[in-house]
Amino acid sequence: MVENLPLVGYLVSDLCARATHLSRDDLAAAGALALVLAADAFDEELGVPFGAFARRRIQGAFLDDLRAGDWATRSARKRIKSTLAVSETLTASLGRKPTSDEIAAALGSTRAEVDAALADAARTVSTIDETVEDRVASSAVGPEEATLAAERSRYLAAAVQALPESIRIVVEAVYLQGRAVKDVAAELGVTHAAVSQRRAEGIRLLRDGLAVHYADDPTRQPVASPQLAVGRRSAYLGALADLTTAFHRPTTPHTAPVIAAAG
């Protein structure tokens, strides 16, 4: 047993070289115990060298130790492996990432089972006593970010309010109420294309209005959208200016509202 003790260290190093996240100390302890048990169970009359016999026992102890610390059962691991294999095959054949329904159809299982297998495949486990950092980043919004967010909301609300009524109704319904274009068209008694046109024009007006009154760089001259009529754009910018005259602009750099670039 003493002569073969270095075998434990060799097998531990070989395994850890292929799986760097494993604990050398835990594997060494399991391997040493397996070596002792191998010495007790060894029978010279079988004609098998003790080194080969002990190697099999040590490797088996490694597998038992890994399985004991694994959250997933063998069946779960098998399901994860088959799901990932089918997903990779479909990705190669379709030229894109397959949907859960497509994977389920190929496996002959349900979408819920596929989603569960993919979620298990993405799961990572850490020991509860492993402390990485004794401080956690705060998710609370700081005073500066809160001030800028409130300012963006005020300017965005004013930009929407300044839109012509027929366009404002569509923008509010689609972007603020989350309604489908076809539902808005049915309610207004107009075609789907008419609603889409008003929505697109509303976005162009919002983009130009915020570029003028809420620009990242006040010294940069905003470029007018070529699709907008000059008269309508001027009237909108004037209405927006009346609504935002009283707003106070901080000097801190900021980002324009994302809805202005939507569509």
C-alpha atoms as a PDB file:
ATOM      1  CA  MET A   1       0.000   0.000   0.000  1.00  0.00           C
ATOM      2  CA  VAL A   2       2.831   2.395   0.853  1.00  0.00           C
ATOM      3  CA  GLU A   3       4.600   1.609  -2.407  1.00  0.00           C
ATOM      4  CA  ASN A   4       1.463   2.438  -4.422  1.00  0.00           C
ATOM      5  CA  LEU A   5       0.530   5.606  -2.528  1.00  0.00           C
ATOM      6  CA  PRO A   6       2.058   7.816  -5.295  1.00  0.00           C
ATOM      7  CA  LEU A   7      -0.491   6.223  -7.637  1.00  0.00           C
ATOM      8  CA  VAL A   8      -3.227   8.133  -5.811  1.00  0.00           C
ATOM      9  CA  GLY A   9      -1.447  11.435  -6.397  1.00  0.00           C
ATOM     10  CA  TYR A  10      -0.918  10.631 -10.071  1.00  0.00           C
ATOM     11  CA  LEU A  11      -4.571   9.746 -10.655  1.00  0.00           C
ATOM     12  CA  VAL A  12      -5.736  12.849  -8.781  1.00  0.00           C
ATOM     13  CA  SER A  13      -3.487  15.086 -10.891  1.00  0.00           C
ATOM     14  CA  ASP A  14      -4.634  13.417 -14.106  1.00  0.00           C
ATOM     15  CA  LEU A  15      -8.306  13.932 -13.247  1.00  0.00           C
ATOM     16  CA  CYS A  16      -7.873  17.522 -12.054  1.00  0.00           C
ATOM     17  CA  ALA A  17      -5.996  18.392 -15.240  1.00  0.00           C
ATOM     18  CA  ARG A  18      -9.150  17.490 -17.192  1.00  0.00           C
ATOM     19  CA  ALA A  19     -11.598  18.969 -14.660  1.00  0.00           C
ATOM     20  CA  THR A  20      -9.970  21.945 -12.937  1.00  0.00           C
ATOM     21  CA  HIS A  21     -12.996  22.731 -10.743  1.00  0.00           C
ATOM     22  CA  LEU A  22     -12.571  19.547  -8.668  1.00  0.00           C
ATOM     23  CA  SER A  23     -11.075  19.543  -5.176  1.00  0.00           C
ATOM     24  CA  ARG A  24      -7.687  17.819  -5.018  1.00  0.00           C
ATOM     25  CA  ASP A  25      -7.938  17.288  -1.269  1.00  0.00           C
ATOM     26  CA  ASP A  26     -11.325  15.558  -1.479  1.00  0.00           C
ATOM     27  CA  LEU A  27     -10.171  13.326  -4.307  1.00  0.00           C
ATOM     28  CA  ALA A  28      -6.908  12.482  -2.546  1.00  0.00           C
ATOM     29  CA  ALA A  29      -8.807  11.479   0.611  1.00  0.00           C
ATOM     30  CA  ALA A  30     -11.199   9.276  -1.378  1.00  0.00           C
ATOM     31  CA  GLY A  31      -8.307   7.750  -3.318  1.00  0.00           C
ATOM     32  CA  ALA A  32      -6.268   6.998  -0.192  1.00  0.00           C
ATOM     33  CA  LEU A  33      -9.246   5.272   1.423  1.00  0.00           C
ATOM     34  CA  ALA A  34      -9.797   3.257  -1.750  1.00  0.00           C
ATOM     35  CA  LEU A  35      -6.131   2.204  -1.667  1.00  0.00           C
ATOM     36  CA  VAL A  36      -6.522   0.906   1.891  1.00  0.00           C
ATOM     37  CA  LEU A  37      -9.672  -1.010   0.977  1.00  0.00           C
ATOM     38  CA  ALA A  38      -7.948  -2.387  -2.128  1.00  0.00           C
ATOM     39  CA  ALA A  39      -5.085  -3.709   0.028  1.00  0.00           C
ATOM     40  CA  ASP A  40      -7.600  -5.440   2.309  1.00  0.00           C
ATOM     41  CA  ALA A  41      -9.496  -7.003  -0.614  1.00  0.00           C
ATOM     42  CA  PHE A  42      -6.466  -7.937  -2.738  1.00  0.00           C
ATOM     43  CA  ASP A  43      -5.959 -11.623  -3.516  1.00  0.00           C
ATOM     44  CA  GLU A  44      -2.543 -12.523  -4.950  1.00  0.00           C
ATOM     45  CA  GLU A  45      -3.782 -15.889  -6.180  1.00  0.00           C
ATOM     46  CA  LEU A  46      -5.898 -14.193  -8.866  1.00  0.00           C
ATOM     47  CA  GLY A  47      -2.713 -13.250 -10.711  1.00  0.00           C
ATOM     48  CA  VAL A  48      -3.628  -9.567 -11.104  1.00  0.00           C
ATOM     49  CA  PRO A  49      -0.890  -7.041 -10.182  1.00  0.00           C
ATOM     50  CA  PHE A  50      -1.809  -4.997  -7.131  1.00  0.00           C
ATOM     51  CA  GLY A  51      -1.126  -1.703  -8.980  1.00  0.00           C
ATOM     52  CA  ALA A  52      -3.724  -2.478 -11.674  1.00  0.00           C
ATOM     53  CA  PHE A  53      -6.197  -3.730  -9.068  1.00  0.00           C
ATOM     54  CA  ALA A  54      -5.752  -0.623  -6.911  1.00  0.00           C
ATOM     55  CA  ARG A  55      -6.039   1.701  -9.914  1.00  0.00           C
ATOM     56  CA  ARG A  56      -9.512   0.369 -10.716  1.00  0.00           C
ATOM     57  CA  ARG A  57     -10.585   0.753  -7.091  1.00  0.00           C
ATOM     58  CA  ILE A  58      -9.222   4.310  -6.844  1.00  0.00           C
ATOM     59  CA  GLN A  59     -10.877   5.413 -10.083  1.00  0.00           C
ATOM     60  CA  GLY A  60     -14.138   3.886  -8.907  1.00  0.00           C
ATOM     61  CA  ALA A  61     -13.835   5.828  -5.643  1.00  0.00           C
ATOM     62  CA  PHE A  62     -13.375   9.042  -7.618  1.00  0.00           C
ATOM     63  CA  LEU A  63     -16.599   8.368  -9.544  1.00  0.00           C
ATOM     64  CA  ASP A  64     -18.493   7.575  -6.340  1.00  0.00           C
ATOM     65  CA  ASP A  65     -17.232  10.808  -4.756  1.00  0.00           C
ATOM     66  CA  LEU A  66     -18.257  12.864  -7.787  1.00  0.00           C
ATOM     67  CA  ARG A  67     -21.700  11.251  -7.931  1.00  0.00           C
ATOM     68  CA  ALA A  68     -22.221  11.892  -4.226  1.00  0.00           C
ATOM     69  CA  GLY A  69     -21.638  15.610  -4.758  1.00  0.00           C
ATOM     70  CA  ASP A  70     -23.708  15.827  -7.936  1.00  0.00           C
ATOM     71  CA  TRP A  71     -27.214  17.291  -7.651  1.00  0.00           C
ATOM     72  CA  ALA A  72     -28.408  15.403 -10.739  1.00  0.00           C
ATOM     73  CA  THR A  73     -29.299  11.728 -10.929  1.00  0.00           C
ATOM     74  CA  ARG A  74     -27.989   9.449 -13.677  1.00  0.00           C
ATOM     75  CA  SER A  75     -31.320   9.667 -15.497  1.00  0.00           C
ATOM     76  CA  ALA A  76     -31.194  13.473 -15.314  1.00  0.00           C
ATOM     77  CA  ARG A  77     -27.670  13.499 -16.710  1.00  0.00           C
ATOM     78  CA  LYS A  78     -28.745  11.164 -19.504  1.00  0.00           C
ATOM     79  CA  ARG A  79     -31.702  13.414 -20.336  1.00  0.00           C
ATOM     80  CA  ILE A  80     -29.473  16.515 -20.361  1.00  0.00           C
ATOM     81  CA  LYS A  81     -26.924  14.800 -22.610  1.00  0.00           C
ATOM     82  CA  SER A  82     -29.517  13.644 -25.148  1.00  0.00           C
ATOM     83  CA  THR A  83     -31.249  17.032 -25.195  1.00  0.00           C
ATOM     84  CA  LEU A  84     -28.004  18.901 -25.826  1.00  0.00           C
ATOM     85  CA  ALA A  85     -26.985  16.419 -28.513  1.00  0.00           C
ATOM     86  CA  VAL A  86     -30.275  16.871 -30.391  1.00  0.00           C
ATOM     87  CA  SER A  87     -30.043  20.644 -29.971  1.00  0.00           C
ATOM     88  CA  GLU A  88     -26.560  20.693 -31.520  1.00  0.00           C
ATOM     89  CA  THR A  89     -27.699  18.478 -34.409  1.00  0.00           C
ATOM     90  CA  LEU A  90     -30.708  20.691 -35.153  1.00  0.00           C
ATOM     91  CA  THR A  91     -28.573  23.834 -34.912  1.00  0.00           C
ATOM     92  CA  ALA A  92     -26.211  22.441 -37.534  1.00  0.00           C
ATOM     93  CA  SER A  93     -29.039  21.379 -39.878  1.00  0.00           C
ATOM     94  CA  LEU A  94     -31.264  24.444 -39.465  1.00  0.00           C
ATOM     95  CA  GLY A  95     -28.501  27.037 -39.342  1.00  0.00           C
ATOM     96  CA  ARG A  96     -30.032  28.567 -36.218  1.00  0.00           C
ATOM     97  CA  LYS A  97     -30.808  27.721 -32.637  1.00  0.00           C
ATOM     98  CA  PRO A  98     -33.806  25.354 -32.531  1.00  0.00           C
ATOM     99  CA  THR A  99     -36.903  26.064 -30.464  1.00  0.00           C
ATOM    100  CA  SER A 100     -37.971  23.919 -27.537  1.00  0.00           C
ATOM    101  CA  ASP A 101     -40.862  22.560 -29.623  1.00  0.00           C
ATOM    102  CA  GLU A 102     -38.483  21.464 -32.384  1.00  0.00           C
ATOM    103  CA  ILE A 103     -36.194  19.719 -29.900  1.00  0.00           C
ATOM    104  CA  ALA A 104     -39.181  18.049 -28.226  1.00  0.00           C
ATOM    105  CA  ALA A 105     -40.454  16.785 -31.582  1.00  0.00           C
ATOM    106  CA  ALA A 106     -37.051  15.295 -32.406  1.00  0.00           C
ATOM    107  CA  LEU A 107     -36.793  13.626 -28.992  1.00  0.00           C
ATOM    108  CA  GLY A 108     -40.411  12.508 -28.884  1.00  0.00           C
ATOM    109  CA  SER A 109     -40.922  14.288 -25.568  1.00  0.00           C
ATOM    110  CA  THR A 110     -42.807  17.331 -24.337  1.00  0.00           C
ATOM    111  CA  ARG A 111     -41.750  20.953 -24.396  1.00  0.00           C
ATOM    112  CA  ALA A 112     -41.822  21.066 -20.582  1.00  0.00           C
ATOM    113  CA  GLU A 113     -39.324  18.192 -20.384  1.00  0.00           C
ATOM    114  CA  VAL A 114     -37.023  19.891 -22.894  1.00  0.00           C
ATOM    115  CA  ASP A 115     -37.183  23.224 -21.032  1.00  0.00           C
ATOM    116  CA  ALA A 116     -36.411  21.437 -17.761  1.00  0.00           C
ATOM    117  CA  ALA A 117     -33.427  19.637 -19.312  1.00  0.00           C
ATOM    118  CA  LEU A 118     -32.030  22.858 -20.797  1.00  0.00           C
ATOM    119  CA  ALA A 119     -32.482  24.636 -17.462  1.00  0.00           C
ATOM    120  CA  ASP A 120     -30.658  21.796 -15.694  1.00  0.00           C
ATOM    121  CA  ALA A 121     -27.854  21.940 -18.254  1.00  0.00           C
ATOM    122  CA  ALA A 122     -27.313  25.626 -17.483  1.00  0.00           C
ATOM    123  CA  ARG A 123     -27.346  25.088 -13.726  1.00  0.00           C
ATOM    124  CA  THR A 124     -24.173  25.644 -11.718  1.00  0.00           C
ATOM    125  CA  VAL A 125     -23.601  24.574  -8.114  1.00  0.00           C
ATOM    126  CA  SER A 126     -21.240  26.133  -5.578  1.00  0.00           C
ATOM    127  CA  THR A 127     -20.450  25.009  -2.066  1.00  0.00           C
ATOM    128  CA  ILE A 128     -22.380  26.939   0.548  1.00  0.00           C
ATOM    129  CA  ASP A 129     -19.255  27.739   2.545  1.00  0.00           C
ATOM    130  CA  GLU A 130     -17.335  29.082  -0.444  1.00  0.00           C
ATOM    131  CA  THR A 131     -17.121  32.827   0.089  1.00  0.00           C
ATOM    132  CA  VAL A 132     -16.114  34.737  -3.002  1.00  0.00           C
ATOM    133  CA  GLU A 133     -16.717  38.259  -1.744  1.00  0.00           C
ATOM    134  CA  ASP A 134     -18.019  39.682   1.512  1.00  0.00           C
ATOM    135  CA  ARG A 135     -19.690  42.597  -0.251  1.00  0.00           C
ATOM    136  CA  VAL A 136     -22.590  42.573  -2.673  1.00  0.00           C
ATOM    137  CA  ALA A 137     -23.147  45.272  -5.275  1.00  0.00           C
ATOM    138  CA  SER A 138     -26.197  47.333  -4.463  1.00  0.00           C
ATOM    139  CA  SER A 139     -29.066  47.228  -6.934  1.00  0.00           C
ATOM    140  CA  ALA A 140     -30.508  50.488  -5.595  1.00  0.00           C
ATOM    141  CA  VAL A 141     -30.565  53.442  -7.983  1.00  0.00           C
ATOM    142  CA  GLY A 142     -28.292  56.291  -6.915  1.00  0.00           C
ATOM    143  CA  PRO A 143     -29.462  59.908  -6.578  1.00  0.00           C
ATOM    144  CA  GLU A 144     -27.879  60.974  -9.878  1.00  0.00           C
ATOM    145  CA  GLU A 145     -29.411  58.059 -11.835  1.00  0.00           C
ATOM    146  CA  ALA A 146     -32.797  58.660 -10.205  1.00  0.00           C
ATOM    147  CA  THR A 147     -32.695  62.348 -11.149  1.00  0.00           C
ATOM    148  CA  LEU A 148     -31.800  61.590 -14.764  1.00  0.00           C
ATOM    149  CA  ALA A 149     -34.468  58.877 -15.002  1.00  0.00           C
ATOM    150  CA  ALA A 150     -37.124  61.288 -13.709  1.00  0.00           C
ATOM    151  CA  GLU A 151     -35.950  63.923 -16.180  1.00  0.00           C
ATOM    152  CA  ARG A 152     -36.103  61.500 -19.098  1.00  0.00           C
ATOM    153  CA  SER A 153     -39.603  60.510 -18.106  1.00  0.00           C
ATOM    154  CA  ARG A 154     -40.743  64.151 -18.035  1.00  0.00           C
ATOM    155  CA  TYR A 155     -39.294  64.914 -21.459  1.00  0.00           C
ATOM    156  CA  LEU A 156     -40.639  61.704 -22.950  1.00  0.00           C
ATOM    157  CA  ALA A 157     -44.133  62.352 -21.559  1.00  0.00           C
ATOM    158  CA  ALA A 158     -44.031  65.883 -22.967  1.00  0.00           C
ATOM    159  CA  ALA A 159     -42.800  64.608 -26.353  1.00  0.00           C
ATOM    160  CA  VAL A 160     -45.707  62.191 -26.580  1.00  0.00           C
ATOM    161  CA  GLN A 161     -48.220  64.805 -25.394  1.00  0.00           C
ATOM    162  CA  ALA A 162     -47.078  67.258 -28.084  1.00  0.00           C
ATOM    163  CA  LEU A 163     -47.823  64.826 -30.915  1.00  0.00           C
ATOM    164  CA  PRO A 164     -50.824  65.510 -33.166  1.00  0.00           C
ATOM    165  CA  GLU A 165     -53.864  63.820 -31.630  1.00  0.00           C
ATOM    166  CA  SER A 166     -54.345  61.159 -34.319  1.00  0.00           C
ATOM    167  CA  ILE A 167     -50.677  60.139 -34.034  1.00  0.00           C
ATOM    168  CA  ARG A 168     -50.550  60.437 -30.239  1.00  0.00           C
ATOM    169  CA  ILE A 169     -53.462  58.008 -29.828  1.00  0.00           C
ATOM    170  CA  VAL A 170     -51.652  55.394 -31.898  1.00  0.00           C
ATOM    171  CA  VAL A 171     -48.292  55.865 -30.147  1.00  0.00           C
ATOM    172  CA  GLU A 172     -49.856  55.649 -26.695  1.00  0.00           C
ATOM    173  CA  ALA A 173     -51.868  52.569 -27.641  1.00  0.00           C
ATOM    174  CA  VAL A 174     -48.968  50.669 -29.214  1.00  0.00           C
ATOM    175  CA  TYR A 175     -45.985  51.685 -27.062  1.00  0.00           C
ATOM    176  CA  LEU A 176     -47.480  52.687 -23.713  1.00  0.00           C
ATOM    177  CA  GLN A 177     -50.464  50.344 -23.538  1.00  0.00           C
ATOM    178  CA  GLY A 178     -48.819  47.462 -25.410  1.00  0.00           C
ATOM    179  CA  ARG A 179     -51.741  46.917 -27.785  1.00  0.00           C
ATOM    180  CA  ALA A 180     -51.492  45.218 -31.173  1.00  0.00           C
ATOM    181  CA  VAL A 181     -51.625  47.360 -34.305  1.00  0.00           C
ATOM    182  CA  LYS A 182     -54.565  45.377 -35.708  1.00  0.00           C
ATOM    183  CA  ASP A 183     -56.596  45.982 -32.530  1.00  0.00           C
ATOM    184  CA  VAL A 184     -55.887  49.713 -32.661  1.00  0.00           C
ATOM    185  CA  ALA A 185     -56.867  49.794 -36.340  1.00  0.00           C
ATOM    186  CA  ALA A 186     -60.158  48.029 -35.599  1.00  0.00           C
ATOM    187  CA  GLU A 187     -60.979  50.449 -32.781  1.00  0.00           C
ATOM    188  CA  LEU A 188     -60.212  53.540 -34.882  1.00  0.00           C
ATOM    189  CA  GLY A 189     -61.963  52.174 -37.947  1.00  0.00           C
ATOM    190  CA  VAL A 190     -58.906  52.535 -40.175  1.00  0.00           C
ATOM    191  CA  THR A 191     -56.642  50.111 -41.990  1.00  0.00           C
ATOM    192  CA  HIS A 192     -53.647  48.331 -40.510  1.00  0.00           C
ATOM    193  CA  ALA A 193     -51.412  50.288 -42.899  1.00  0.00           C
ATOM    194  CA  ALA A 194     -52.826  53.617 -41.705  1.00  0.00           C
ATOM    195  CA  VAL A 195     -52.032  52.795 -38.078  1.00  0.00           C
ATOM    196  CA  SER A 196     -48.527  51.647 -39.032  1.00  0.00           C
ATOM    197  CA  GLN A 197     -47.984  54.891 -40.955  1.00  0.00           C
ATOM    198  CA  ARG A 198     -49.091  57.018 -37.991  1.00  0.00           C
ATOM    199  CA  ARG A 199     -46.906  55.011 -35.651  1.00  0.00           C
ATOM    200  CA  ALA A 200     -43.856  55.450 -37.901  1.00  0.00           C
ATOM    201  CA  GLU A 201     -44.489  59.186 -38.250  1.00  0.00           C
ATOM    202  CA  GLY A 202     -44.923  59.484 -34.493  1.00  0.00           C
ATOM    203  CA  ILE A 203     -41.560  57.820 -33.899  1.00  0.00           C
ATOM    204  CA  ARG A 204     -39.889  60.166 -36.378  1.00  0.00           C
ATOM    205  CA  LEU A 205     -41.421  63.180 -34.638  1.00  0.00           C
ATOM    206  CA  LEU A 206     -40.378  61.888 -31.227  1.00  0.00           C
ATOM    207  CA  ARG A 207     -36.844  61.257 -32.447  1.00  0.00           C
ATOM    208  CA  ASP A 208     -36.501  64.739 -33.921  1.00  0.00           C
ATOM    209  CA  GLY A 209     -38.158  66.425 -30.953  1.00  0.00           C
ATOM    210  CA  LEU A 210     -35.962  64.746 -28.381  1.00  0.00           C
ATOM    211  CA  ALA A 211     -32.867  65.325 -30.523  1.00  0.00           C
ATOM    212  CA  VAL A 212     -33.630  69.050 -30.384  1.00  0.00           C
ATOM    213  CA  HIS A 213     -34.817  69.414 -26.782  1.00  0.00           C
ATOM    214  CA  TYR A 214     -32.993  66.532 -25.076  1.00  0.00           C
ATOM    215  CA  ALA A 215     -29.778  66.006 -27.011  1.00  0.00           C
ATOM    216  CA  ASP A 216     -26.744  64.207 -25.600  1.00  0.00           C
ATOM    217  CA  ASP A 217     -24.555  66.940 -27.074  1.00  0.00           C
ATOM    218  CA  PRO A 218     -26.322  70.344 -27.014  1.00  0.00           C
ATOM    219  CA  THR A 219     -23.676  71.795 -29.360  1.00  0.00           C
ATOM    220  CA  ARG A 220     -24.410  69.249 -32.092  1.00  0.00           C
ATOM    221  CA  GLN A 221     -26.920  70.323 -34.721  1.00  0.00           C
ATOM    222  CA  PRO A 222     -29.739  67.729 -34.968  1.00  0.00           C
ATOM    223  CA  VAL A 223     -30.505  66.317 -38.411  1.00  0.00           C
ATOM    224  CA  ALA A 224     -34.163  66.414 -39.438  1.00  0.00           C
ATOM    225  CA  SER A 225     -35.857  63.211 -40.587  1.00  0.00           C
ATOM    226  CA  PRO A 226     -36.224  63.520 -44.376  1.00  0.00           C
ATOM    227  CA  GLN A 227     -39.595  61.710 -44.329  1.00  0.00           C
ATOM    228  CA  LEU A 228     -41.247  64.445 -42.240  1.00  0.00           C
ATOM    229  CA  ALA A 229     -43.044  67.392 -43.802  1.00  0.00           C
ATOM    230  CA  VAL A 230     -41.344  70.649 -42.839  1.00  0.00           C
ATOM    231  CA  GLY A 231     -44.556  72.263 -41.625  1.00  0.00           C
ATOM    232  CA  ARG A 232     -45.588  69.329 -39.437  1.00  0.00           C
ATOM    233  CA  ARG A 233     -42.104  69.023 -37.927  1.00  0.00           C
ATOM    234  CA  SER A 234     -41.939  72.762 -37.146  1.00  0.00           C
ATOM    235  CA  ALA A 235     -45.393  72.735 -35.553  1.00  0.00           C
ATOM    236  CA  TYR A 236     -44.460  69.735 -33.420  1.00  0.00           C
ATOM    237  CA  LEU A 237     -41.147  71.222 -32.275  1.00  0.00           C
ATOM    238  CA  GLY A 238     -42.954  74.412 -31.324  1.00  0.00           C
ATOM    239  CA  ALA A 239     -45.579  72.529 -29.302  1.00  0.00           C
ATOM    240  CA  LEU A 240     -42.872  70.505 -27.566  1.00  0.00           C
ATOM    241  CA  ALA A 241     -40.896  73.660 -26.786  1.00  0.00           C
ATOM    242  CA  ASP A 242     -43.960  75.158 -25.077  1.00  0.00           C
ATOM    243  CA  LEU A 243     -44.319  72.049 -22.898  1.00  0.00           C
ATOM    244  CA  THR A 244     -40.630  71.773 -21.945  1.00  0.00           C
ATOM    245  CA  THR A 245     -39.731  75.433 -21.411  1.00  0.00           C
ATOM    246  CA  ALA A 246     -40.051  75.139 -17.653  1.00  0.00           C
ATOM    247  CA  PHE A 247     -37.933  71.994 -17.381  1.00  0.00           C
ATOM    248  CA  HIS A 248     -34.538  72.344 -15.715  1.00  0.00           C
ATOM    249  CA  ARG A 249     -31.705  70.576 -17.514  1.00  0.00           C
ATOM    250  CA  PRO A 250     -28.818  69.270 -15.346  1.00  0.00           C
ATOM    251  CA  THR A 251     -25.329  69.493 -16.806  1.00  0.00           C
ATOM    252  CA  THR A 252     -24.549  65.807 -16.186  1.00  0.00           C
ATOM    253  CA  PRO A 253     -24.240  63.746 -19.387  1.00  0.00           C
ATOM    254  CA  HIS A 254     -27.193  61.466 -20.030  1.00  0.00           C
ATOM    255  CA  THR A 255     -28.754  59.143 -22.529  1.00  0.00           C
ATOM    256  CA  ALA A 256     -31.824  59.978 -24.592  1.00  0.00           C
ATOM    257  CA  PRO A 257     -34.961  57.884 -23.986  1.00  0.00           C
ATOM    258  CA  VAL A 258     -34.886  54.592 -25.847  1.00  0.00           C
ATOM    259  CA  ILE A 259     -38.439  54.870 -27.155  1.00  0.00           C
ATOM    260  CA  ALA A 260     -37.307  57.706 -29.377  1.00  0.00           C
ATOM    261  CA  ALA A 261     -35.235  55.245 -31.381  1.00  0.00           C
ATOM    262  CA  ALA A 262     -37.846  52.480 -31.444  1.00  0.00           C
ATOM    263  CA  GLY A 263     -39.821  51.310 -34.412  1.00  0.00           C
END
